[in-house]
Amino acid sequence: QNVLNEQGITYGIDTEAIQNFCEKRLFYSELTAA
């Protein structure tokens, strides 16, 4: 979220997808964050 905020991304942020990405450690894949 800090990375998104730093770049001025404020609309359409998918909080649930971000949380799932971090909790399930899906770091091998690309995340659609917003």
PDB file of all heavy atoms in Angstrom:
ATOM      1  N   GLN A   1       0.819  -1.206   0.000  1.00  0.00           N
ATOM      2  CA  GLN A   1       0.000   0.000   0.000  1.00  0.00           C
ATOM      3  C   GLN A   1       0.855   1.259   0.000  1.00  0.00           C
ATOM      4  O   GLN A   1       0.510   2.266  -0.629  1.00  0.00           O
ATOM      5  CB  GLN A   1      -0.937  -0.014   1.209  1.00  0.00           C
ATOM      6  CG  GLN A   1      -2.048  -1.052   1.099  1.00  0.00           C
ATOM      7  CD  GLN A   1      -2.939  -1.108   2.314  1.00  0.00           C
ATOM      8  OE1 GLN A   1      -2.503  -0.775   3.426  1.00  0.00           O
ATOM      9  NE2 GLN A   1      -4.172  -1.550   2.120  1.00  0.00           N
ATOM     10  N   ASN A   2       1.991   1.205   0.687  1.00  0.00           N
ATOM     11  CA  ASN A   2       2.891   2.364   0.689  1.00  0.00           C
ATOM     12  C   ASN A   2       3.429   2.638  -0.707  1.00  0.00           C
ATOM     13  O   ASN A   2       3.538   3.806  -1.124  1.00  0.00           O
ATOM     14  CB  ASN A   2       4.060   2.124   1.659  1.00  0.00           C
ATOM     15  CG  ASN A   2       3.615   2.177   3.118  1.00  0.00           C
ATOM     16  OD1 ASN A   2       2.579   2.794   3.431  1.00  0.00           O
ATOM     17  ND2 ASN A   2       4.370   1.556   4.006  1.00  0.00           N
ATOM     18  N   VAL A   3       3.774   1.574  -1.429  1.00  0.00           N
ATOM     19  CA  VAL A   3       4.267   1.757  -2.803  1.00  0.00           C
ATOM     20  C   VAL A   3       3.190   2.408  -3.672  1.00  0.00           C
ATOM     21  O   VAL A   3       3.471   3.316  -4.461  1.00  0.00           O
ATOM     22  CB  VAL A   3       4.705   0.401  -3.399  1.00  0.00           C
ATOM     23  CG1 VAL A   3       5.008   0.548  -4.888  1.00  0.00           C
ATOM     24  CG2 VAL A   3       5.916  -0.139  -2.678  1.00  0.00           C
ATOM     25  N   LEU A   4       1.943   1.943  -3.520  1.00  0.00           N
ATOM     26  CA  LEU A   4       0.853   2.525  -4.294  1.00  0.00           C
ATOM     27  C   LEU A   4       0.641   3.986  -3.932  1.00  0.00           C
ATOM     28  O   LEU A   4       0.465   4.851  -4.809  1.00  0.00           O
ATOM     29  CB  LEU A   4      -0.442   1.727  -4.060  1.00  0.00           C
ATOM     30  CG  LEU A   4      -0.445   0.264  -4.507  1.00  0.00           C
ATOM     31  CD1 LEU A   4      -1.752  -0.412  -4.105  1.00  0.00           C
ATOM     32  CD2 LEU A   4      -0.251   0.152  -6.029  1.00  0.00           C
ATOM     33  N   ASN A   5       0.672   4.276  -2.635  1.00  0.00           N
ATOM     34  CA  ASN A   5       0.456   5.657  -2.187  1.00  0.00           C
ATOM     35  C   ASN A   5       1.550   6.585  -2.685  1.00  0.00           C
ATOM     36  O   ASN A   5       1.295   7.729  -3.084  1.00  0.00           O
ATOM     37  CB  ASN A   5       0.390   5.709  -0.667  1.00  0.00           C
ATOM     38  CG  ASN A   5      -0.859   5.028  -0.130  1.00  0.00           C
ATOM     39  OD1 ASN A   5      -1.869   4.932  -0.840  1.00  0.00           O
ATOM     40  ND2 ASN A   5      -0.813   4.540   1.104  1.00  0.00           N
ATOM     41  N   GLU A   6       2.789   6.080  -2.686  1.00  0.00           N
ATOM     42  CA  GLU A   6       3.914   6.906  -3.127  1.00  0.00           C
ATOM     43  C   GLU A   6       3.766   7.310  -4.598  1.00  0.00           C
ATOM     44  O   GLU A   6       4.227   8.375  -4.996  1.00  0.00           O
ATOM     45  CB  GLU A   6       5.231   6.142  -2.940  1.00  0.00           C
ATOM     46  CG  GLU A   6       5.648   6.012  -1.475  1.00  0.00           C
ATOM     47  CD  GLU A   6       6.837   5.069  -1.316  1.00  0.00           C
ATOM     48  OE1 GLU A   6       7.316   4.558  -2.352  1.00  0.00           O
ATOM     49  OE2 GLU A   6       7.279   4.861  -0.173  1.00  0.00           O
ATOM     50  N   GLN A   7       3.117   6.456  -5.384  1.00  0.00           N
ATOM     51  CA  GLN A   7       2.940   6.750  -6.801  1.00  0.00           C
ATOM     52  C   GLN A   7       1.599   7.441  -7.095  1.00  0.00           C
ATOM     53  O   GLN A   7       1.254   7.652  -8.253  1.00  0.00           O
ATOM     54  CB  GLN A   7       3.037   5.458  -7.616  1.00  0.00           C
ATOM     55  CG  GLN A   7       4.381   4.766  -7.536  1.00  0.00           C
ATOM     56  CD  GLN A   7       5.513   5.643  -8.014  1.00  0.00           C
ATOM     57  OE1 GLN A   7       5.370   6.333  -9.026  1.00  0.00           O
ATOM     58  NE2 GLN A   7       6.620   5.640  -7.286  1.00  0.00           N
ATOM     59  N   GLY A   8       0.864   7.779  -6.072  1.00  0.00           N
ATOM     60  CA  GLY A   8      -0.384   8.509  -6.254  1.00  0.00           C
ATOM     61  C   GLY A   8      -1.557   7.660  -6.679  1.00  0.00           C
ATOM     62  O   GLY A   8      -2.548   8.174  -7.204  1.00  0.00           O
ATOM     63  N   ILE A   9      -1.461   6.352  -6.486  1.00  0.00           N
ATOM     64  CA  ILE A   9      -2.556   5.454  -6.871  1.00  0.00           C
ATOM     65  C   ILE A   9      -3.562   5.388  -5.731  1.00  0.00           C
ATOM     66  O   ILE A   9      -3.250   4.907  -4.631  1.00  0.00           O
ATOM     67  CB  ILE A   9      -2.023   4.060  -7.219  1.00  0.00           C
ATOM     68  CG1 ILE A   9      -1.103   4.157  -8.440  1.00  0.00           C
ATOM     69  CG2 ILE A   9      -3.168   3.090  -7.491  1.00  0.00           C
ATOM     70  CD1 ILE A   9      -0.389   2.885  -8.756  1.00  0.00           C
ATOM     71  N   THR A  10      -4.755   5.893  -5.982  1.00  0.00           N
ATOM     72  CA  THR A  10      -5.750   6.030  -4.914  1.00  0.00           C
ATOM     73  C   THR A  10      -7.081   5.358  -5.230  1.00  0.00           C
ATOM     74  O   THR A  10      -7.887   5.137  -4.333  1.00  0.00           O
ATOM     75  CB  THR A  10      -6.014   7.520  -4.629  1.00  0.00           C
ATOM     76  OG1 THR A  10      -6.478   8.145  -5.845  1.00  0.00           O
ATOM     77  CG2 THR A  10      -4.736   8.215  -4.163  1.00  0.00           C
ATOM     78  N   TYR A  11      -7.327   5.045  -6.506  1.00  0.00           N
ATOM     79  CA  TYR A  11      -8.643   4.541  -6.892  1.00  0.00           C
ATOM     80  C   TYR A  11      -8.560   3.074  -7.315  1.00  0.00           C
ATOM     81  O   TYR A  11      -7.617   2.658  -7.972  1.00  0.00           O
ATOM     82  CB  TYR A  11      -9.206   5.375  -8.052  1.00  0.00           C
ATOM     83  CG  TYR A  11     -10.608   4.984  -8.442  1.00  0.00           C
ATOM     84  CD1 TYR A  11     -11.713   5.463  -7.742  1.00  0.00           C
ATOM     85  CD2 TYR A  11     -10.827   4.104  -9.499  1.00  0.00           C
ATOM     86  CE1 TYR A  11     -12.995   5.091  -8.093  1.00  0.00           C
ATOM     87  CE2 TYR A  11     -12.096   3.730  -9.863  1.00  0.00           C
ATOM     88  CZ  TYR A  11     -13.187   4.223  -9.158  1.00  0.00           C
ATOM     89  OH  TYR A  11     -14.451   3.846  -9.500  1.00  0.00           O
ATOM     90  N   GLY A  12      -9.580   2.321  -6.917  1.00  0.00           N
ATOM     91  CA  GLY A  12      -9.703   0.936  -7.368  1.00  0.00           C
ATOM     92  C   GLY A  12      -8.716  -0.027  -6.729  1.00  0.00           C
ATOM     93  O   GLY A  12      -8.453  -1.099  -7.289  1.00  0.00           O
ATOM     94  N   ILE A  13      -8.156   0.337  -5.551  1.00  0.00           N
ATOM     95  CA  ILE A  13      -7.189  -0.547  -4.890  1.00  0.00           C
ATOM     96  C   ILE A  13      -7.918  -1.792  -4.373  1.00  0.00           C
ATOM     97  O   ILE A  13      -8.914  -1.701  -3.661  1.00  0.00           O
ATOM     98  CB  ILE A  13      -6.475   0.183  -3.743  1.00  0.00           C
ATOM     99  CG1 ILE A  13      -5.637   1.342  -4.315  1.00  0.00           C
ATOM    100  CG2 ILE A  13      -5.579  -0.781  -2.961  1.00  0.00           C
ATOM    101  CD1 ILE A  13      -4.985   2.197  -3.268  1.00  0.00           C
ATOM    102  N   ASP A  14      -7.403  -2.949  -4.723  1.00  0.00           N
ATOM    103  CA  ASP A  14      -8.012  -4.225  -4.349  1.00  0.00           C
ATOM    104  C   ASP A  14      -7.358  -4.734  -3.063  1.00  0.00           C
ATOM    105  O   ASP A  14      -6.406  -5.511  -3.083  1.00  0.00           O
ATOM    106  CB  ASP A  14      -7.835  -5.241  -5.474  1.00  0.00           C
ATOM    107  CG  ASP A  14      -8.723  -6.463  -5.289  1.00  0.00           C
ATOM    108  OD1 ASP A  14      -9.147  -6.723  -4.151  1.00  0.00           O
ATOM    109  OD2 ASP A  14      -8.967  -7.169  -6.290  1.00  0.00           O
ATOM    110  N   THR A  15      -7.885  -4.267  -1.920  1.00  0.00           N
ATOM    111  CA  THR A  15      -7.305  -4.604  -0.612  1.00  0.00           C
ATOM    112  C   THR A  15      -7.356  -6.107  -0.354  1.00  0.00           C
ATOM    113  O   THR A  15      -6.407  -6.692   0.188  1.00  0.00           O
ATOM    114  CB  THR A  15      -8.058  -3.858   0.506  1.00  0.00           C
ATOM    115  OG1 THR A  15      -8.033  -2.455   0.223  1.00  0.00           O
ATOM    116  CG2 THR A  15      -7.402  -4.103   1.857  1.00  0.00           C
ATOM    117  N   GLU A  16      -8.445  -6.740  -0.734  1.00  0.00           N
ATOM    118  CA  GLU A  16      -8.587  -8.172  -0.502  1.00  0.00           C
ATOM    119  C   GLU A  16      -7.539  -8.970  -1.283  1.00  0.00           C
ATOM    120  O   GLU A  16      -6.936  -9.912  -0.760  1.00  0.00           O
ATOM    121  CB  GLU A  16      -9.986  -8.619  -0.905  1.00  0.00           C
ATOM    122  CG  GLU A  16     -10.252 -10.092  -0.651  1.00  0.00           C
ATOM    123  CD  GLU A  16     -11.676 -10.474  -0.998  1.00  0.00           C
ATOM    124  OE1 GLU A  16     -12.487  -9.555  -1.236  1.00  0.00           O
ATOM    125  OE2 GLU A  16     -11.972 -11.684  -1.030  1.00  0.00           O
ATOM    126  N   ALA A  17      -7.312  -8.576  -2.553  1.00  0.00           N
ATOM    127  CA  ALA A  17      -6.309  -9.262  -3.363  1.00  0.00           C
ATOM    128  C   ALA A  17      -4.913  -9.066  -2.786  1.00  0.00           C
ATOM    129  O   ALA A  17      -4.094 -10.000  -2.800  1.00  0.00           O
ATOM    130  CB  ALA A  17      -6.367  -8.754  -4.800  1.00  0.00           C
ATOM    131  N   ILE A  18      -4.620  -7.866  -2.294  1.00  0.00           N
ATOM    132  CA  ILE A  18      -3.298  -7.592  -1.711  1.00  0.00           C
ATOM    133  C   ILE A  18      -3.093  -8.447  -0.461  1.00  0.00           C
ATOM    134  O   ILE A  18      -2.029  -9.054  -0.256  1.00  0.00           O
ATOM    135  CB  ILE A  18      -3.171  -6.089  -1.385  1.00  0.00           C
ATOM    136  CG1 ILE A  18      -3.212  -5.256  -2.669  1.00  0.00           C
ATOM    137  CG2 ILE A  18      -1.876  -5.812  -0.622  1.00  0.00           C
ATOM    138  CD1 ILE A  18      -3.276  -3.772  -2.447  1.00  0.00           C
ATOM    139  N   GLN A  19      -4.111  -8.513   0.378  1.00  0.00           N
ATOM    140  CA  GLN A  19      -4.011  -9.294   1.609  1.00  0.00           C
ATOM    141  C   GLN A  19      -3.834 -10.777   1.295  1.00  0.00           C
ATOM    142  O   GLN A  19      -2.997 -11.461   1.909  1.00  0.00           O
ATOM    143  CB  GLN A  19      -5.277  -9.076   2.455  1.00  0.00           C
ATOM    144  CG  GLN A  19      -5.203  -9.732   3.843  1.00  0.00           C
ATOM    145  CD  GLN A  19      -6.382  -9.314   4.716  1.00  0.00           C
ATOM    146  OE1 GLN A  19      -7.198  -8.504   4.311  1.00  0.00           O
ATOM    147  NE2 GLN A  19      -6.447  -9.869   5.912  1.00  0.00           N
ATOM    148  N   ASN A  20      -4.578 -11.271   0.350  1.00  0.00           N
ATOM    149  CA  ASN A  20      -4.453 -12.675  -0.048  1.00  0.00           C
ATOM    150  C   ASN A  20      -3.061 -12.959  -0.621  1.00  0.00           C
ATOM    151  O   ASN A  20      -2.458 -14.001  -0.361  1.00  0.00           O
ATOM    152  CB  ASN A  20      -5.523 -13.000  -1.095  1.00  0.00           C
ATOM    153  CG  ASN A  20      -5.520 -14.466  -1.501  1.00  0.00           C
ATOM    154  OD1 ASN A  20      -5.753 -15.345  -0.673  1.00  0.00           O
ATOM    155  ND2 ASN A  20      -5.240 -14.716  -2.767  1.00  0.00           N
ATOM    156  N   PHE A  21      -2.536 -12.019  -1.387  1.00  0.00           N
ATOM    157  CA  PHE A  21      -1.213 -12.137  -1.987  1.00  0.00           C
ATOM    158  C   PHE A  21      -0.140 -12.263  -0.917  1.00  0.00           C
ATOM    159  O   PHE A  21       0.770 -13.097  -1.019  1.00  0.00           O
ATOM    160  CB  PHE A  21      -0.970 -10.900  -2.861  1.00  0.00           C
ATOM    161  CG  PHE A  21       0.344 -10.866  -3.569  1.00  0.00           C
ATOM    162  CD1 PHE A  21       0.560 -11.597  -4.724  1.00  0.00           C
ATOM    163  CD2 PHE A  21       1.389 -10.072  -3.094  1.00  0.00           C
ATOM    164  CE1 PHE A  21       1.772 -11.558  -5.390  1.00  0.00           C
ATOM    165  CE2 PHE A  21       2.601 -10.024  -3.749  1.00  0.00           C
ATOM    166  CZ  PHE A  21       2.795 -10.759  -4.892  1.00  0.00           C
ATOM    167  N   CYS A  22      -0.242 -11.436   0.124  1.00  0.00           N
ATOM    168  CA  CYS A  22       0.764 -11.445   1.193  1.00  0.00           C
ATOM    169  C   CYS A  22       0.616 -12.657   2.118  1.00  0.00           C
ATOM    170  O   CYS A  22       1.605 -13.308   2.478  1.00  0.00           O
ATOM    171  CB  CYS A  22       0.673 -10.151   2.000  1.00  0.00           C
ATOM    172  SG  CYS A  22       1.093  -8.672   1.052  1.00  0.00           S
ATOM    173  N   GLU A  23      -0.627 -12.960   2.510  1.00  0.00           N
ATOM    174  CA  GLU A  23      -0.846 -14.061   3.447  1.00  0.00           C
ATOM    175  C   GLU A  23      -0.471 -15.414   2.830  1.00  0.00           C
ATOM    176  O   GLU A  23       0.119 -16.273   3.512  1.00  0.00           O
ATOM    177  CB  GLU A  23      -2.309 -14.070   3.892  1.00  0.00           C
ATOM    178  CG  GLU A  23      -2.672 -12.913   4.818  1.00  0.00           C
ATOM    179  CD  GLU A  23      -4.142 -12.943   5.215  1.00  0.00           C
ATOM    180  OE1 GLU A  23      -4.878 -13.816   4.694  1.00  0.00           O
ATOM    181  OE2 GLU A  23      -4.551 -12.115   6.049  1.00  0.00           O
ATOM    182  N   LYS A  24      -0.793 -15.590   1.563  1.00  0.00           N
ATOM    183  CA  LYS A  24      -0.517 -16.880   0.923  1.00  0.00           C
ATOM    184  C   LYS A  24       0.846 -16.915   0.230  1.00  0.00           C
ATOM    185  O   LYS A  24       1.190 -17.892  -0.431  1.00  0.00           O
ATOM    186  CB  LYS A  24      -1.621 -17.191  -0.092  1.00  0.00           C
ATOM    187  CG  LYS A  24      -2.980 -17.416   0.559  1.00  0.00           C
ATOM    188  CD  LYS A  24      -4.018 -17.842  -0.468  1.00  0.00           C
ATOM    189  CE  LYS A  24      -5.367 -18.117   0.195  1.00  0.00           C
ATOM    190  NZ  LYS A  24      -6.391 -18.526  -0.784  1.00  0.00           N
ATOM    191  N   ARG A  25       1.596 -15.807   0.392  1.00  0.00           N
ATOM    192  CA  ARG A  25       2.960 -15.718  -0.157  1.00  0.00           C
ATOM    193  C   ARG A  25       2.981 -16.088  -1.642  1.00  0.00           C
ATOM    194  O   ARG A  25       3.746 -16.923  -2.097  1.00  0.00           O
ATOM    195  CB  ARG A  25       3.906 -16.639   0.628  1.00  0.00           C
ATOM    196  CG  ARG A  25       4.035 -16.283   2.102  1.00  0.00           C
ATOM    197  CD  ARG A  25       4.963 -17.239   2.825  1.00  0.00           C
ATOM    198  NE  ARG A  25       6.291 -17.253   2.236  1.00  0.00           N
ATOM    199  CZ  ARG A  25       7.264 -16.367   2.483  1.00  0.00           C
ATOM    200  NH1 ARG A  25       7.034 -15.358   3.322  1.00  0.00           N
ATOM    201  NH2 ARG A  25       8.438 -16.471   1.884  1.00  0.00           N
ATOM    202  N   LEU A  26       2.129 -15.378  -2.404  1.00  0.00           N
ATOM    203  CA  LEU A  26       2.042 -15.633  -3.836  1.00  0.00           C
ATOM    204  C   LEU A  26       3.047 -14.776  -4.600  1.00  0.00           C
ATOM    205  O   LEU A  26       2.753 -14.180  -5.641  1.00  0.00           O
ATOM    206  CB  LEU A  26       0.614 -15.346  -4.334  1.00  0.00           C
ATOM    207  CG  LEU A  26      -0.506 -16.104  -3.627  1.00  0.00           C
ATOM    208  CD1 LEU A  26      -1.877 -15.651  -4.130  1.00  0.00           C
ATOM    209  CD2 LEU A  26      -0.334 -17.606  -3.843  1.00  0.00           C
ATOM    210  N   PHE A  27       4.257 -14.711  -4.070  1.00  0.00           N
ATOM    211  CA  PHE A  27       5.247 -13.778  -4.609  1.00  0.00           C
ATOM    212  C   PHE A  27       5.804 -14.212  -5.962  1.00  0.00           C
ATOM    213  O   PHE A  27       6.506 -13.435  -6.623  1.00  0.00           O
ATOM    214  CB  PHE A  27       6.382 -13.609  -3.594  1.00  0.00           C
ATOM    215  CG  PHE A  27       5.904 -13.177  -2.228  1.00  0.00           C
ATOM    216  CD1 PHE A  27       6.423 -13.753  -1.074  1.00  0.00           C
ATOM    217  CD2 PHE A  27       4.906 -12.225  -2.101  1.00  0.00           C
ATOM    218  CE1 PHE A  27       5.969 -13.369   0.179  1.00  0.00           C
ATOM    219  CE2 PHE A  27       4.452 -11.844  -0.850  1.00  0.00           C
ATOM    220  CZ  PHE A  27       4.977 -12.411   0.308  1.00  0.00           C
ATOM    221  N   TYR A  28       5.523 -15.444  -6.357  1.00  0.00           N
ATOM    222  CA  TYR A  28       5.998 -15.910  -7.654  1.00  0.00           C
ATOM    223  C   TYR A  28       5.101 -15.410  -8.794  1.00  0.00           C
ATOM    224  O   TYR A  28       5.426 -15.559  -9.960  1.00  0.00           O
ATOM    225  CB  TYR A  28       6.036 -17.439  -7.696  1.00  0.00           C
ATOM    226  CG  TYR A  28       4.708 -18.075  -7.360  1.00  0.00           C
ATOM    227  CD1 TYR A  28       3.719 -18.250  -8.322  1.00  0.00           C
ATOM    228  CD2 TYR A  28       4.427 -18.493  -6.049  1.00  0.00           C
ATOM    229  CE1 TYR A  28       2.508 -18.807  -8.015  1.00  0.00           C
ATOM    230  CE2 TYR A  28       3.213 -19.055  -5.729  1.00  0.00           C
ATOM    231  CZ  TYR A  28       2.244 -19.223  -6.714  1.00  0.00           C
ATOM    232  OH  TYR A  28       1.046 -19.778  -6.411  1.00  0.00           O
ATOM    233  N   SER A  29       3.975 -14.833  -8.454  1.00  0.00           N
ATOM    234  CA  SER A  29       3.035 -14.381  -9.469  1.00  0.00           C
ATOM    235  C   SER A  29       2.904 -12.859  -9.426  1.00  0.00           C
ATOM    236  O   SER A  29       3.365 -12.205  -8.491  1.00  0.00           O
ATOM    237  CB  SER A  29       1.658 -15.017  -9.249  1.00  0.00           C
ATOM    238  OG  SER A  29       1.133 -14.628  -7.996  1.00  0.00           O
ATOM    239  N   GLU A  30       2.265 -12.307 -10.450  1.00  0.00           N
ATOM    240  CA  GLU A  30       2.046 -10.867 -10.513  1.00  0.00           C
ATOM    241  C   GLU A  30       0.700 -10.535  -9.884  1.00  0.00           C
ATOM    242  O   GLU A  30      -0.309 -11.188 -10.131  1.00  0.00           O
ATOM    243  CB  GLU A  30       2.079 -10.398 -11.976  1.00  0.00           C
ATOM    244  CG  GLU A  30       2.050  -8.898 -12.127  1.00  0.00           C
ATOM    245  CD  GLU A  30       2.271  -8.467 -13.579  1.00  0.00           C
ATOM    246  OE1 GLU A  30       1.455  -8.852 -14.432  1.00  0.00           O
ATOM    247  OE2 GLU A  30       3.266  -7.773 -13.853  1.00  0.00           O
ATOM    248  N   LEU A  31       0.675  -9.501  -9.074  1.00  0.00           N
ATOM    249  CA  LEU A  31      -0.529  -9.089  -8.355  1.00  0.00           C
ATOM    250  C   LEU A  31      -1.186  -7.909  -9.076  1.00  0.00           C
ATOM    251  O   LEU A  31      -0.510  -6.923  -9.410  1.00  0.00           O
ATOM    252  CB  LEU A  31      -0.167  -8.680  -6.919  1.00  0.00           C
ATOM    253  CG  LEU A  31      -1.238  -7.907  -6.130  1.00  0.00           C
ATOM    254  CD1 LEU A  31      -2.448  -8.792  -5.840  1.00  0.00           C
ATOM    255  CD2 LEU A  31      -0.645  -7.334  -4.851  1.00  0.00           C
ATOM    256  N   THR A  32      -2.481  -8.045  -9.336  1.00  0.00           N
ATOM    257  CA  THR A  32      -3.255  -6.890  -9.817  1.00  0.00           C
ATOM    258  C   THR A  32      -3.735  -6.146  -8.583  1.00  0.00           C
ATOM    259  O   THR A  32      -4.686  -6.533  -7.921  1.00  0.00           O
ATOM    260  CB  THR A  32      -4.445  -7.350 -10.678  1.00  0.00           C
ATOM    261  OG1 THR A  32      -3.954  -8.100 -11.790  1.00  0.00           O
ATOM    262  CG2 THR A  32      -5.234  -6.166 -11.196  1.00  0.00           C
ATOM    263  N   ALA A  33      -3.046  -5.039  -8.290  1.00  0.00           N
ATOM    264  CA  ALA A  33      -3.272  -4.347  -7.020  1.00  0.00           C
ATOM    265  C   ALA A  33      -4.359  -3.293  -7.107  1.00  0.00           C
ATOM    266  O   ALA A  33      -4.986  -2.971  -6.104  1.00  0.00           O
ATOM    267  CB  ALA A  33      -1.963  -3.704  -6.546  1.00  0.00           C
ATOM    268  N   ALA A  34      -4.585  -2.753  -8.280  1.00  0.00           N
ATOM    269  CA  ALA A  34      -5.608  -1.713  -8.437  1.00  0.00           C
ATOM    270  C   ALA A  34      -6.140  -1.750  -9.858  1.00  0.00           C
ATOM    271  O   ALA A  34      -5.402  -2.053 -10.799  1.00  0.00           O
ATOM    272  CB  ALA A  34      -5.032  -0.336  -8.123  1.00  0.00           C
TER     273      ALA A  34
END
